[in-house]
Amino acid sequence: MWTGALLRRVSAAGDFATVLHHGDDVAGSVILIHRERGTQRALARAIGPDGSTVWQVAARGDSVNDWVARQRRYDPDLWVIELDTPDLARFIDETII
C-alpha cells in the first residue's frame, strides 16, 4: 500500500517513479533508488539514534546497481523503487540521513 501511494504521489507531481523489482505485498522491505541530474543513490530504511525509522544512504554512483543486486540475493521479497525527482524528501515520511 505504501509503495502504491508513493508512486501515485510522485506521478501526480509530474516526476517519475517506477517499480524495478516487485517484492512481497505484505512483508517486503523497500529500497529506493533516487536519481537526480545524472546522479544516483540507493536508500534503505534503518533505525535512527532515537529509535525512529530513517532513510539511510546505502550506496552512491556506480556502486548502486551492485549493492541492489547483493541485497536482492539476500532478500527475494525486496521492493526496489526508482524515483527521478528533484525533491525526494517531500514524498517520503521518514527522515533521510
PDB file of N, CA and C in Angstrom:
ATOM      1  N   MET A   1       0.827  -1.183   0.000  1.00  0.00           N
ATOM      2  CA  MET A   1       0.000   0.000   0.000  1.00  0.00           C
ATOM      3  C   MET A   1       0.880   1.259   0.000  1.00  0.00           C
ATOM      4  N   TRP A   2       1.935   1.281   0.820  1.00  0.00           N
ATOM      5  CA  TRP A   2       2.818   2.442   0.872  1.00  0.00           C
ATOM      6  C   TRP A   2       3.466   2.685  -0.479  1.00  0.00           C
ATOM      7  N   THR A   3       3.887   1.610  -1.135  1.00  0.00           N
ATOM      8  CA  THR A   3       4.546   1.731  -2.422  1.00  0.00           C
ATOM      9  C   THR A   3       3.610   2.318  -3.471  1.00  0.00           C
ATOM     10  N   GLY A   4       2.381   1.842  -3.525  1.00  0.00           N
ATOM     11  CA  GLY A   4       1.405   2.367  -4.473  1.00  0.00           C
ATOM     12  C   GLY A   4       1.120   3.836  -4.249  1.00  0.00           C
ATOM     13  N   ALA A   5       1.013   4.221  -2.985  1.00  0.00           N
ATOM     14  CA  ALA A   5       0.766   5.624  -2.662  1.00  0.00           C
ATOM     15  C   ALA A   5       1.955   6.490  -3.071  1.00  0.00           C
ATOM     16  N   LEU A   6       3.170   5.989  -2.848  1.00  0.00           N
ATOM     17  CA  LEU A   6       4.368   6.726  -3.241  1.00  0.00           C
ATOM     18  C   LEU A   6       4.388   6.942  -4.748  1.00  0.00           C
ATOM     19  N   LEU A   7       4.121   5.894  -5.506  1.00  0.00           N
ATOM     20  CA  LEU A   7       4.129   6.003  -6.966  1.00  0.00           C
ATOM     21  C   LEU A   7       3.097   7.018  -7.453  1.00  0.00           C
ATOM     22  N   ARG A   8       1.910   7.003  -6.865  1.00  0.00           N
ATOM     23  CA  ARG A   8       0.860   7.956  -7.265  1.00  0.00           C
ATOM     24  C   ARG A   8       1.244   9.391  -6.926  1.00  0.00           C
ATOM     25  N   ARG A   9       1.810   9.605  -5.738  1.00  0.00           N
ATOM     26  CA  ARG A   9       2.188  10.962  -5.324  1.00  0.00           C
ATOM     27  C   ARG A   9       3.279  11.538  -6.216  1.00  0.00           C
ATOM     28  N   VAL A  10       4.278  10.731  -6.528  1.00  0.00           N
ATOM     29  CA  VAL A  10       5.369  11.196  -7.383  1.00  0.00           C
ATOM     30  C   VAL A  10       4.841  11.507  -8.786  1.00  0.00           C
ATOM     31  N   SER A  11       4.026  10.629  -9.325  1.00  0.00           N
ATOM     32  CA  SER A  11       3.463  10.836 -10.650  1.00  0.00           C
ATOM     33  C   SER A  11       2.573  12.074 -10.699  1.00  0.00           C
ATOM     34  N   ALA A  12       1.758  12.271  -9.668  1.00  0.00           N
ATOM     35  CA  ALA A  12       0.864  13.432  -9.619  1.00  0.00           C
ATOM     36  C   ALA A  12       1.645  14.739  -9.584  1.00  0.00           C
ATOM     37  N   ALA A  13       2.855  14.703  -9.066  1.00  0.00           N
ATOM     38  CA  ALA A  13       3.689  15.902  -9.011  1.00  0.00           C
ATOM     39  C   ALA A  13       4.434  16.139 -10.325  1.00  0.00           C
ATOM     40  N   GLY A  14       4.263  15.232 -11.298  1.00  0.00           N
ATOM     41  CA  GLY A  14       4.927  15.384 -12.581  1.00  0.00           C
ATOM     42  C   GLY A  14       6.315  14.793 -12.638  1.00  0.00           C
ATOM     43  N   ASP A  15       6.700  14.041 -11.601  1.00  0.00           N
ATOM     44  CA  ASP A  15       8.005  13.392 -11.569  1.00  0.00           C
ATOM     45  C   ASP A  15       7.829  11.925 -11.955  1.00  0.00           C
ATOM     46  N   PHE A  16       8.922  11.166 -11.987  1.00  0.00           N
ATOM     47  CA  PHE A  16       8.906   9.790 -12.460  1.00  0.00           C
ATOM     48  C   PHE A  16       9.187   8.818 -11.325  1.00  0.00           C
ATOM     49  N   ALA A  17       8.397   7.747 -11.271  1.00  0.00           N
ATOM     50  CA  ALA A  17       8.631   6.669 -10.304  1.00  0.00           C
ATOM     51  C   ALA A  17       8.202   5.357 -10.947  1.00  0.00           C
ATOM     52  N   THR A  18       8.981   4.307 -10.692  1.00  0.00           N
ATOM     53  CA  THR A  18       8.642   3.003 -11.234  1.00  0.00           C
ATOM     54  C   THR A  18       9.140   1.901 -10.301  1.00  0.00           C
ATOM     55  N   VAL A  19       8.504   0.753 -10.388  1.00  0.00           N
ATOM     56  CA  VAL A  19       8.912  -0.422  -9.619  1.00  0.00           C
ATOM     57  C   VAL A  19       9.905  -1.212 -10.466  1.00  0.00           C
ATOM     58  N   LEU A  20      11.134  -1.342  -9.986  1.00  0.00           N
ATOM     59  CA  LEU A  20      12.147  -2.138 -10.683  1.00  0.00           C
ATOM     60  C   LEU A  20      12.076  -3.601 -10.284  1.00  0.00           C
ATOM     61  N   HIS A  21      11.680  -3.856  -9.042  1.00  0.00           N
ATOM     62  CA  HIS A  21      11.511  -5.231  -8.564  1.00  0.00           C
ATOM     63  C   HIS A  21      10.347  -5.269  -7.592  1.00  0.00           C
ATOM     64  N   HIS A  22       9.384  -6.141  -7.884  1.00  0.00           N
ATOM     65  CA  HIS A  22       8.177  -6.265  -7.062  1.00  0.00           C
ATOM     66  C   HIS A  22       8.428  -7.277  -5.960  1.00  0.00           C
ATOM     67  N   GLY A  23       8.318  -6.829  -4.722  1.00  0.00           N
ATOM     68  CA  GLY A  23       8.533  -7.706  -3.577  1.00  0.00           C
ATOM     69  C   GLY A  23       7.231  -8.267  -3.039  1.00  0.00           C
ATOM     70  N   ASP A  24       7.299  -8.803  -1.843  1.00  0.00           N
ATOM     71  CA  ASP A  24       6.131  -9.364  -1.165  1.00  0.00           C
ATOM     72  C   ASP A  24       5.159  -8.239  -0.807  1.00  0.00           C
ATOM     73  N   ASP A  25       3.864  -8.453  -1.067  1.00  0.00           N
ATOM     74  CA  ASP A  25       2.862  -7.414  -0.820  1.00  0.00           C
ATOM     75  C   ASP A  25       2.655  -7.117   0.659  1.00  0.00           C
ATOM     76  N   VAL A  26       3.011  -8.044   1.523  1.00  0.00           N
ATOM     77  CA  VAL A  26       2.760  -7.850   2.946  1.00  0.00           C
ATOM     78  C   VAL A  26       4.019  -7.476   3.716  1.00  0.00           C
ATOM     79  N   ALA A  27       5.098  -8.206   3.496  1.00  0.00           N
ATOM     80  CA  ALA A  27       6.253  -8.047   4.382  1.00  0.00           C
ATOM     81  C   ALA A  27       7.542  -7.658   3.675  1.00  0.00           C
ATOM     82  N   GLY A  28       7.478  -7.235   2.433  1.00  0.00           N
ATOM     83  CA  GLY A  28       8.709  -6.927   1.714  1.00  0.00           C
ATOM     84  C   GLY A  28       9.357  -5.627   2.161  1.00  0.00           C
ATOM     85  N   SER A  29      10.672  -5.635   2.257  1.00  0.00           N
ATOM     86  CA  SER A  29      11.426  -4.420   2.540  1.00  0.00           C
ATOM     87  C   SER A  29      11.480  -3.572   1.276  1.00  0.00           C
ATOM     88  N   VAL A  30      11.849  -2.296   1.436  1.00  0.00           N
ATOM     89  CA  VAL A  30      11.880  -1.373   0.303  1.00  0.00           C
ATOM     90  C   VAL A  30      13.240  -0.702   0.210  1.00  0.00           C
ATOM     91  N   ILE A  31      13.774  -0.661  -1.003  1.00  0.00           N
ATOM     92  CA  ILE A  31      14.954   0.140  -1.326  1.00  0.00           C
ATOM     93  C   ILE A  31      14.505   1.182  -2.330  1.00  0.00           C
ATOM     94  N   LEU A  32      14.916   2.420  -2.109  1.00  0.00           N
ATOM     95  CA  LEU A  32      14.635   3.489  -3.054  1.00  0.00           C
ATOM     96  C   LEU A  32      15.909   3.821  -3.807  1.00  0.00           C
ATOM     97  N   ILE A  33      15.800   3.928  -5.119  1.00  0.00           N
ATOM     98  CA  ILE A  33      16.905   4.431  -5.923  1.00  0.00           C
ATOM     99  C   ILE A  33      16.483   5.824  -6.371  1.00  0.00           C
ATOM    100  N   HIS A  34      17.208   6.804  -5.904  1.00  0.00           N
ATOM    101  CA  HIS A  34      16.890   8.196  -6.209  1.00  0.00           C
ATOM    102  C   HIS A  34      17.844   8.692  -7.285  1.00  0.00           C
ATOM    103  N   ARG A  35      17.276   9.118  -8.396  1.00  0.00           N
ATOM    104  CA  ARG A  35      18.065   9.672  -9.494  1.00  0.00           C
ATOM    105  C   ARG A  35      17.716  11.147  -9.626  1.00  0.00           C
ATOM    106  N   GLU A  36      18.767  11.939  -9.759  1.00  0.00           N
ATOM    107  CA  GLU A  36      18.565  13.371  -9.923  1.00  0.00           C
ATOM    108  C   GLU A  36      19.758  13.958 -10.663  1.00  0.00           C
ATOM    109  N   ARG A  37      19.474  14.596 -11.778  1.00  0.00           N
ATOM    110  CA  ARG A  37      20.506  15.292 -12.561  1.00  0.00           C
ATOM    111  C   ARG A  37      21.730  14.418 -12.856  1.00  0.00           C
ATOM    112  N   GLY A  38      21.489  13.192 -13.267  1.00  0.00           N
ATOM    113  CA  GLY A  38      22.584  12.315 -13.661  1.00  0.00           C
ATOM    114  C   GLY A  38      23.287  11.598 -12.522  1.00  0.00           C
ATOM    115  N   THR A  39      22.876  11.831 -11.285  1.00  0.00           N
ATOM    116  CA  THR A  39      23.466  11.115 -10.153  1.00  0.00           C
ATOM    117  C   THR A  39      22.447  10.135  -9.598  1.00  0.00           C
ATOM    118  N   GLN A  40      22.923   9.155  -8.875  1.00  0.00           N
ATOM    119  CA  GLN A  40      22.014   8.199  -8.250  1.00  0.00           C
ATOM    120  C   GLN A  40      22.530   7.800  -6.878  1.00  0.00           C
ATOM    121  N   ARG A  41      21.580   7.438  -6.027  1.00  0.00           N
ATOM    122  CA  ARG A  41      21.917   6.914  -4.705  1.00  0.00           C
ATOM    123  C   ARG A  41      20.836   5.923  -4.309  1.00  0.00           C
ATOM    124  N   ALA A  42      21.210   4.939  -3.530  1.00  0.00           N
ATOM    125  CA  ALA A  42      20.271   3.948  -3.019  1.00  0.00           C
ATOM    126  C   ALA A  42      20.032   4.241  -1.545  1.00  0.00           C
ATOM    127  N   LEU A  43      18.758   4.203  -1.151  1.00  0.00           N
ATOM    128  CA  LEU A  43      18.396   4.446   0.240  1.00  0.00           C
ATOM    129  C   LEU A  43      17.661   3.230   0.800  1.00  0.00           C
ATOM    130  N   ALA A  44      17.962   2.909   2.046  1.00  0.00           N
ATOM    131  CA  ALA A  44      17.312   1.799   2.737  1.00  0.00           C
ATOM    132  C   ALA A  44      16.843   2.292   4.092  1.00  0.00           C
ATOM    133  N   ARG A  45      15.781   1.695   4.598  1.00  0.00           N
ATOM    134  CA  ARG A  45      15.284   2.069   5.924  1.00  0.00           C
ATOM    135  C   ARG A  45      16.225   1.542   6.996  1.00  0.00           C
ATOM    136  N   ALA A  46      16.392   2.360   8.025  1.00  0.00           N
ATOM    137  CA  ALA A  46      17.245   1.992   9.159  1.00  0.00           C
ATOM    138  C   ALA A  46      16.630   2.574  10.423  1.00  0.00           C
ATOM    139  N   ILE A  47      17.137   2.146  11.558  1.00  0.00           N
ATOM    140  CA  ILE A  47      16.700   2.686  12.839  1.00  0.00           C
ATOM    141  C   ILE A  47      17.653   3.802  13.232  1.00  0.00           C
ATOM    142  N   GLY A  48      17.095   4.988  13.473  1.00  0.00           N
ATOM    143  CA  GLY A  48      17.890   6.144  13.856  1.00  0.00           C
ATOM    144  C   GLY A  48      18.328   6.087  15.304  1.00  0.00           C
ATOM    145  N   PRO A  49      19.151   7.024  15.737  1.00  0.00           N
ATOM    146  CA  PRO A  49      19.675   7.048  17.103  1.00  0.00           C
ATOM    147  C   PRO A  49      18.580   7.146  18.167  1.00  0.00           C
ATOM    148  N   ASP A  50      17.462   7.757  17.817  1.00  0.00           N
ATOM    149  CA  ASP A  50      16.368   7.894  18.783  1.00  0.00           C
ATOM    150  C   ASP A  50      15.337   6.773  18.676  1.00  0.00           C
ATOM    151  N   GLY A  51      15.631   5.760  17.839  1.00  0.00           N
ATOM    152  CA  GLY A  51      14.723   4.630  17.678  1.00  0.00           C
ATOM    153  C   GLY A  51      13.697   4.815  16.575  1.00  0.00           C
ATOM    154  N   SER A  52      13.699   5.965  15.924  1.00  0.00           N
ATOM    155  CA  SER A  52      12.748   6.216  14.838  1.00  0.00           C
ATOM    156  C   SER A  52      13.275   5.604  13.533  1.00  0.00           C
ATOM    157  N   THR A  53      12.390   5.456  12.574  1.00  0.00           N
ATOM    158  CA  THR A  53      12.771   4.951  11.266  1.00  0.00           C
ATOM    159  C   THR A  53      13.276   6.102  10.407  1.00  0.00           C
ATOM    160  N   VAL A  54      14.423   5.891   9.765  1.00  0.00           N
ATOM    161  CA  VAL A  54      15.020   6.899   8.884  1.00  0.00           C
ATOM    162  C   VAL A  54      15.404   6.222   7.572  1.00  0.00           C
ATOM    163  N   TRP A  55      15.574   7.006   6.529  1.00  0.00           N
ATOM    164  CA  TRP A  55      16.117   6.514   5.271  1.00  0.00           C
ATOM    165  C   TRP A  55      17.601   6.828   5.274  1.00  0.00           C
ATOM    166  N   GLN A  56      18.416   5.807   5.096  1.00  0.00           N
ATOM    167  CA  GLN A  56      19.865   5.964   5.126  1.00  0.00           C
ATOM    168  C   GLN A  56      20.435   5.713   3.726  1.00  0.00           C
ATOM    169  N   VAL A  57      21.342   6.571   3.286  1.00  0.00           N
ATOM    170  CA  VAL A  57      22.007   6.369   2.003  1.00  0.00           C
ATOM    171  C   VAL A  57      22.949   5.174   2.144  1.00  0.00           C
ATOM    172  N   ALA A  58      22.705   4.146   1.324  1.00  0.00           N
ATOM    173  CA  ALA A  58      23.479   2.909   1.410  1.00  0.00           C
ATOM    174  C   ALA A  58      24.521   2.782   0.312  1.00  0.00           C
ATOM    175  N   ALA A  59      24.298   3.445  -0.815  1.00  0.00           N
ATOM    176  CA  ALA A  59      25.255   3.387  -1.928  1.00  0.00           C
ATOM    177  C   ALA A  59      25.050   4.618  -2.803  1.00  0.00           C
ATOM    178  N   ARG A  60      26.127   4.995  -3.477  1.00  0.00           N
ATOM    179  CA  ARG A  60      26.075   6.167  -4.373  1.00  0.00           C
ATOM    180  C   ARG A  60      26.755   5.841  -5.696  1.00  0.00           C
ATOM    181  N   GLY A  61      26.336   6.538  -6.734  1.00  0.00           N
ATOM    182  CA  GLY A  61      27.008   6.457  -8.026  1.00  0.00           C
ATOM    183  C   GLY A  61      27.000   5.077  -8.643  1.00  0.00           C
ATOM    184  N   ASP A  62      28.160   4.686  -9.168  1.00  0.00           N
ATOM    185  CA  ASP A  62      28.273   3.425  -9.893  1.00  0.00           C
ATOM    186  C   ASP A  62      28.064   2.194  -9.013  1.00  0.00           C
ATOM    187  N   SER A  63      28.222   2.320  -7.719  1.00  0.00           N
ATOM    188  CA  SER A  63      28.075   1.157  -6.829  1.00  0.00           C
ATOM    189  C   SER A  63      26.618   0.817  -6.523  1.00  0.00           C
ATOM    190  N   VAL A  64      25.666   1.654  -6.920  1.00  0.00           N
ATOM    191  CA  VAL A  64      24.250   1.429  -6.597  1.00  0.00           C
ATOM    192  C   VAL A  64      23.750   0.108  -7.168  1.00  0.00           C
ATOM    193  N   ASN A  65      23.983  -0.148  -8.451  1.00  0.00           N
ATOM    194  CA  ASN A  65      23.456  -1.365  -9.075  1.00  0.00           C
ATOM    195  C   ASN A  65      24.019  -2.628  -8.424  1.00  0.00           C
ATOM    196  N   ASP A  66      25.313  -2.642  -8.116  1.00  0.00           N
ATOM    197  CA  ASP A  66      25.912  -3.805  -7.461  1.00  0.00           C
ATOM    198  C   ASP A  66      25.336  -3.998  -6.061  1.00  0.00           C
ATOM    199  N   TRP A  67      25.169  -2.908  -5.325  1.00  0.00           N
ATOM    200  CA  TRP A  67      24.628  -3.005  -3.963  1.00  0.00           C
ATOM    201  C   TRP A  67      23.197  -3.541  -3.989  1.00  0.00           C
ATOM    202  N   VAL A  68      22.376  -3.038  -4.900  1.00  0.00           N
ATOM    203  CA  VAL A  68      20.990  -3.512  -5.006  1.00  0.00           C
ATOM    204  C   VAL A  68      20.967  -4.992  -5.380  1.00  0.00           C
ATOM    205  N   ALA A  69      21.803  -5.416  -6.297  1.00  0.00           N
ATOM    206  CA  ALA A  69      21.855  -6.834  -6.691  1.00  0.00           C
ATOM    207  C   ALA A  69      22.207  -7.721  -5.505  1.00  0.00           C
ATOM    208  N   ARG A  70      23.160  -7.294  -4.687  1.00  0.00           N
ATOM    209  CA  ARG A  70      23.509  -8.072  -3.480  1.00  0.00           C
ATOM    210  C   ARG A  70      22.329  -8.146  -2.514  1.00  0.00           C
ATOM    211  N   GLN A  71      21.642  -7.037  -2.313  1.00  0.00           N
ATOM    212  CA  GLN A  71      20.511  -7.029  -1.392  1.00  0.00           C
ATOM    213  C   GLN A  71      19.384  -7.929  -1.889  1.00  0.00           C
ATOM    214  N   ARG A  72      19.157  -7.954  -3.200  1.00  0.00           N
ATOM    215  CA  ARG A  72      18.114  -8.817  -3.769  1.00  0.00           C
ATOM    216  C   ARG A  72      18.452 -10.293  -3.600  1.00  0.00           C
ATOM    217  N   ARG A  73      19.745 -10.639  -3.614  1.00  0.00           N
ATOM    218  CA  ARG A  73      20.134 -12.035  -3.374  1.00  0.00           C
ATOM    219  C   ARG A  73      19.806 -12.435  -1.945  1.00  0.00           C
ATOM    220  N   TYR A  74      19.987 -11.510  -0.990  1.00  0.00           N
ATOM    221  CA  TYR A  74      19.698 -11.796   0.419  1.00  0.00           C
ATOM    222  C   TYR A  74      18.205 -11.797   0.712  1.00  0.00           C
ATOM    223  N   ASP A  75      17.460 -10.967   0.008  1.00  0.00           N
ATOM    224  CA  ASP A  75      16.031 -10.804   0.295  1.00  0.00           C
ATOM    225  C   ASP A  75      15.234 -10.808  -1.006  1.00  0.00           C
ATOM    226  N   PRO A  76      14.736 -11.972  -1.440  1.00  0.00           N
ATOM    227  CA  PRO A  76      13.990 -12.042  -2.702  1.00  0.00           C
ATOM    228  C   PRO A  76      12.649 -11.308  -2.649  1.00  0.00           C
ATOM    229  N   ASP A  77      12.155 -10.961  -1.462  1.00  0.00           N
ATOM    230  CA  ASP A  77      10.902 -10.226  -1.323  1.00  0.00           C
ATOM    231  C   ASP A  77      11.109  -8.711  -1.300  1.00  0.00           C
ATOM    232  N   LEU A  78      12.279  -8.275  -1.651  1.00  0.00           N
ATOM    233  CA  LEU A  78      12.649  -6.870  -1.615  1.00  0.00           C
ATOM    234  C   LEU A  78      11.970  -6.085  -2.739  1.00  0.00           C
ATOM    235  N   TRP A  79      11.413  -4.930  -2.390  1.00  0.00           N
ATOM    236  CA  TRP A  79      10.899  -3.980  -3.374  1.00  0.00           C
ATOM    237  C   TRP A  79      12.040  -3.040  -3.745  1.00  0.00           C
ATOM    238  N   VAL A  80      12.183  -2.757  -5.038  1.00  0.00           N
ATOM    239  CA  VAL A  80      13.150  -1.766  -5.497  1.00  0.00           C
ATOM    240  C   VAL A  80      12.371  -0.730  -6.312  1.00  0.00           C
ATOM    241  N   ILE A  81      12.348   0.486  -5.807  1.00  0.00           N
ATOM    242  CA  ILE A  81      11.587   1.571  -6.423  1.00  0.00           C
ATOM    243  C   ILE A  81      12.566   2.637  -6.917  1.00  0.00           C
ATOM    244  N   GLU A  82      12.438   3.019  -8.168  1.00  0.00           N
ATOM    245  CA  GLU A  82      13.280   4.077  -8.723  1.00  0.00           C
ATOM    246  C   GLU A  82      12.475   5.372  -8.798  1.00  0.00           C
ATOM    247  N   LEU A  83      13.070   6.436  -8.306  1.00  0.00           N
ATOM    248  CA  LEU A  83      12.429   7.751  -8.305  1.00  0.00           C
ATOM    249  C   LEU A  83      13.347   8.752  -9.000  1.00  0.00           C
ATOM    250  N   ASP A  84      12.795   9.491  -9.922  1.00  0.00           N
ATOM    251  CA  ASP A  84      13.531  10.569 -10.576  1.00  0.00           C
ATOM    252  C   ASP A  84      12.797  11.856 -10.231  1.00  0.00           C
ATOM    253  N   THR A  85      13.279  12.510  -9.192  1.00  0.00           N
ATOM    254  CA  THR A  85      12.618  13.701  -8.673  1.00  0.00           C
ATOM    255  C   THR A  85      13.659  14.614  -8.030  1.00  0.00           C
ATOM    256  N   PRO A  86      13.479  15.915  -8.146  1.00  0.00           N
ATOM    257  CA  PRO A  86      14.443  16.815  -7.518  1.00  0.00           C
ATOM    258  C   PRO A  86      14.290  16.936  -6.002  1.00  0.00           C
ATOM    259  N   ASP A  87      13.153  16.496  -5.465  1.00  0.00           N
ATOM    260  CA  ASP A  87      12.891  16.675  -4.039  1.00  0.00           C
ATOM    261  C   ASP A  87      12.322  15.405  -3.423  1.00  0.00           C
ATOM    262  N   LEU A  88      13.186  14.433  -3.189  1.00  0.00           N
ATOM    263  CA  LEU A  88      12.744  13.142  -2.649  1.00  0.00           C
ATOM    264  C   LEU A  88      12.097  13.276  -1.276  1.00  0.00           C
ATOM    265  N   ALA A  89      12.615  14.154  -0.445  1.00  0.00           N
ATOM    266  CA  ALA A  89      12.145  14.264   0.940  1.00  0.00           C
ATOM    267  C   ALA A  89      10.654  14.556   1.036  1.00  0.00           C
ATOM    268  N   ARG A  90      10.090  15.249   0.081  1.00  0.00           N
ATOM    269  CA  ARG A  90       8.662  15.583   0.179  1.00  0.00           C
ATOM    270  C   ARG A  90       7.751  14.389  -0.080  1.00  0.00           C
ATOM    271  N   PHE A  91       8.304  13.289  -0.623  1.00  0.00           N
ATOM    272  CA  PHE A  91       7.486  12.132  -0.934  1.00  0.00           C
ATOM    273  C   PHE A  91       7.567  11.011   0.095  1.00  0.00           C
ATOM    274  N   ILE A  92       8.543  11.067   0.977  1.00  0.00           N
ATOM    275  CA  ILE A  92       8.645  10.002   1.979  1.00  0.00           C
ATOM    276  C   ILE A  92       8.490  10.613   3.363  1.00  0.00           C
ATOM    277  N   ASP A  93       7.880   9.857   4.240  1.00  0.00           N
ATOM    278  CA  ASP A  93       7.531  10.361   5.565  1.00  0.00           C
ATOM    279  C   ASP A  93       8.700  10.445   6.519  1.00  0.00           C
ATOM    280  N   GLU A  94       9.622   9.493   6.410  1.00  0.00           N
ATOM    281  CA  GLU A  94      10.712   9.418   7.361  1.00  0.00           C
ATOM    282  C   GLU A  94      11.853  10.372   6.983  1.00  0.00           C
ATOM    283  N   THR A  95      12.707  10.625   7.924  1.00  0.00           N
ATOM    284  CA  THR A  95      13.880  11.463   7.712  1.00  0.00           C
ATOM    285  C   THR A  95      14.899  10.745   6.842  1.00  0.00           C
ATOM    286  N   ILE A  96      15.666  11.509   6.060  1.00  0.00           N
ATOM    287  CA  ILE A  96      16.760  10.947   5.250  1.00  0.00           C
ATOM    288  C   ILE A  96      18.078  11.359   5.890  1.00  0.00           C
ATOM    289  N   ILE A  97      18.957  10.359   6.133  1.00  0.00           N
ATOM    290  CA  ILE A  97      20.302  10.690   6.656  1.00  0.00           C
ATOM    291  C   ILE A  97      21.353  10.163   5.703  1.00  0.00           C
TER     292      ILE A  97
END
